[in-house]
Amino acid sequence: MSRTDRDFYLRDEPERAWMIENTWCAECCLPDLGIDDPREFELEGRVYLEGQCRICRRTLTSEVVDQRESTPAA
């Protein structure tokens, strides 16, 4: 299957900011360093966010999971 680009900037600003700041860099072994140049895409039915670590510049890719859809209704 091929990667389909999505427009990250269609998300509202607070959600974008949260997604950009809440990261994990496997190279730095630290959380929440943030990413630059965020790019959102879909692959095999899953949504991902990719960008460069603000410290080491390594490309980070994280799956985007919408907690509102995965939380069972009360």
C-alpha atoms as a PDB file:
ATOM      1  CA  MET A   1       0.000   0.000   0.000  1.00  0.00           C
ATOM      2  CA  SER A   2       1.144   3.527  -0.626  1.00  0.00           C
ATOM      3  CA  ARG A   3       1.490   6.409   1.756  1.00  0.00           C
ATOM      4  CA  THR A   4      -1.191   9.121   1.444  1.00  0.00           C
ATOM      5  CA  ASP A   5      -0.252  12.615   2.577  1.00  0.00           C
ATOM      6  CA  ARG A   6      -2.721  14.432   4.838  1.00  0.00           C
ATOM      7  CA  ASP A   7      -2.897  18.126   5.770  1.00  0.00           C
ATOM      8  CA  PHE A   8      -1.680  18.375   9.377  1.00  0.00           C
ATOM      9  CA  TYR A   9      -2.714  22.032   9.440  1.00  0.00           C
ATOM     10  CA  LEU A  10      -6.413  21.144   9.115  1.00  0.00           C
ATOM     11  CA  ARG A  11      -6.252  20.140  12.791  1.00  0.00           C
ATOM     12  CA  ASP A  12      -7.024  22.882  15.308  1.00  0.00           C
ATOM     13  CA  GLU A  13      -4.074  24.754  16.785  1.00  0.00           C
ATOM     14  CA  PRO A  14      -4.184  23.293  20.332  1.00  0.00           C
ATOM     15  CA  GLU A  15      -4.225  19.746  18.927  1.00  0.00           C
ATOM     16  CA  ARG A  16      -1.314  20.510  16.562  1.00  0.00           C
ATOM     17  CA  ALA A  17       0.701  22.051  19.399  1.00  0.00           C
ATOM     18  CA  TRP A  18       0.091  19.041  21.646  1.00  0.00           C
ATOM     19  CA  MET A  19       1.094  16.605  18.914  1.00  0.00           C
ATOM     20  CA  ILE A  20       4.276  18.551  18.084  1.00  0.00           C
ATOM     21  CA  GLU A  21       5.417  18.794  21.714  1.00  0.00           C
ATOM     22  CA  ASN A  22       4.495  15.298  22.986  1.00  0.00           C
ATOM     23  CA  THR A  23       7.125  13.187  21.283  1.00  0.00           C
ATOM     24  CA  TRP A  24       9.671  10.496  22.053  1.00  0.00           C
ATOM     25  CA  CYS A  25      13.092  10.456  20.447  1.00  0.00           C
ATOM     26  CA  ALA A  26      14.760   7.038  20.405  1.00  0.00           C
ATOM     27  CA  GLU A  27      18.138   8.637  19.601  1.00  0.00           C
ATOM     28  CA  CYS A  28      18.055  11.157  22.477  1.00  0.00           C
ATOM     29  CA  CYS A  29      16.140   8.718  24.739  1.00  0.00           C
ATOM     30  CA  LEU A  30      14.079  11.624  26.035  1.00  0.00           C
ATOM     31  CA  PRO A  31      10.394  12.548  25.897  1.00  0.00           C
ATOM     32  CA  ASP A  32       8.748  15.782  24.838  1.00  0.00           C
ATOM     33  CA  LEU A  33      11.618  17.395  22.924  1.00  0.00           C
ATOM     34  CA  GLY A  34       9.253  18.361  20.129  1.00  0.00           C
ATOM     35  CA  ILE A  35       9.494  18.061  16.367  1.00  0.00           C
ATOM     36  CA  ASP A  36      10.007  20.486  13.506  1.00  0.00           C
ATOM     37  CA  ASP A  37       8.564  20.204  10.009  1.00  0.00           C
ATOM     38  CA  PRO A  38       5.530  18.055  10.972  1.00  0.00           C
ATOM     39  CA  ARG A  39       4.032  15.934   8.185  1.00  0.00           C
ATOM     40  CA  GLU A  40       0.918  13.817   8.575  1.00  0.00           C
ATOM     41  CA  PHE A  41       0.194  10.782   6.427  1.00  0.00           C
ATOM     42  CA  GLU A  42      -1.951   7.667   6.259  1.00  0.00           C
ATOM     43  CA  LEU A  43      -0.605   4.194   5.587  1.00  0.00           C
ATOM     44  CA  GLU A  44      -2.600   0.961   5.649  1.00  0.00           C
ATOM     45  CA  GLY A  45      -5.526   2.645   7.409  1.00  0.00           C
ATOM     46  CA  ARG A  46      -3.423   4.197  10.172  1.00  0.00           C
ATOM     47  CA  VAL A  47      -2.494   7.861  10.606  1.00  0.00           C
ATOM     48  CA  TYR A  48       1.084   8.934  11.401  1.00  0.00           C
ATOM     49  CA  LEU A  49       2.921  12.150  12.244  1.00  0.00           C
ATOM     50  CA  GLU A  50       6.515  12.543  11.157  1.00  0.00           C
ATOM     51  CA  GLY A  51       9.050  15.298  11.817  1.00  0.00           C
ATOM     52  CA  GLN A  52      12.614  16.052  12.910  1.00  0.00           C
ATOM     53  CA  CYS A  53      13.644  15.939  16.573  1.00  0.00           C
ATOM     54  CA  ARG A  54      14.462  19.481  17.698  1.00  0.00           C
ATOM     55  CA  ILE A  55      17.663  18.261  19.396  1.00  0.00           C
ATOM     56  CA  CYS A  56      19.333  15.575  17.241  1.00  0.00           C
ATOM     57  CA  ARG A  57      17.366  16.208  13.989  1.00  0.00           C
ATOM     58  CA  ARG A  58      16.579  12.480  13.572  1.00  0.00           C
ATOM     59  CA  THR A  59      13.306  11.766  11.756  1.00  0.00           C
ATOM     60  CA  LEU A  60      10.623  10.645  14.219  1.00  0.00           C
ATOM     61  CA  THR A  61       7.426   8.869  13.194  1.00  0.00           C
ATOM     62  CA  SER A  62       4.526   8.324  15.595  1.00  0.00           C
ATOM     63  CA  GLU A  63       1.150   6.739  15.062  1.00  0.00           C
ATOM     64  CA  VAL A  64      -1.726   9.108  15.792  1.00  0.00           C
ATOM     65  CA  VAL A  65      -4.368   7.455  17.957  1.00  0.00           C
ATOM     66  CA  ASP A  66      -7.595   9.355  18.544  1.00  0.00           C
ATOM     67  CA  GLN A  67      -8.410   8.634  22.197  1.00  0.00           C
ATOM     68  CA  ARG A  68     -11.951   9.895  21.672  1.00  0.00           C
ATOM     69  CA  GLU A  69     -12.586   6.994  19.258  1.00  0.00           C
ATOM     70  CA  SER A  70     -10.839   4.286  21.309  1.00  0.00           C
ATOM     71  CA  THR A  71     -12.421   5.097  24.705  1.00  0.00           C
ATOM     72  CA  PRO A  72     -15.484   2.959  25.492  1.00  0.00           C
ATOM     73  CA  ALA A  73     -18.697   4.868  26.125  1.00  0.00           C
ATOM     74  CA  ALA A  74     -19.901   4.959  29.703  1.00  0.00           C
END
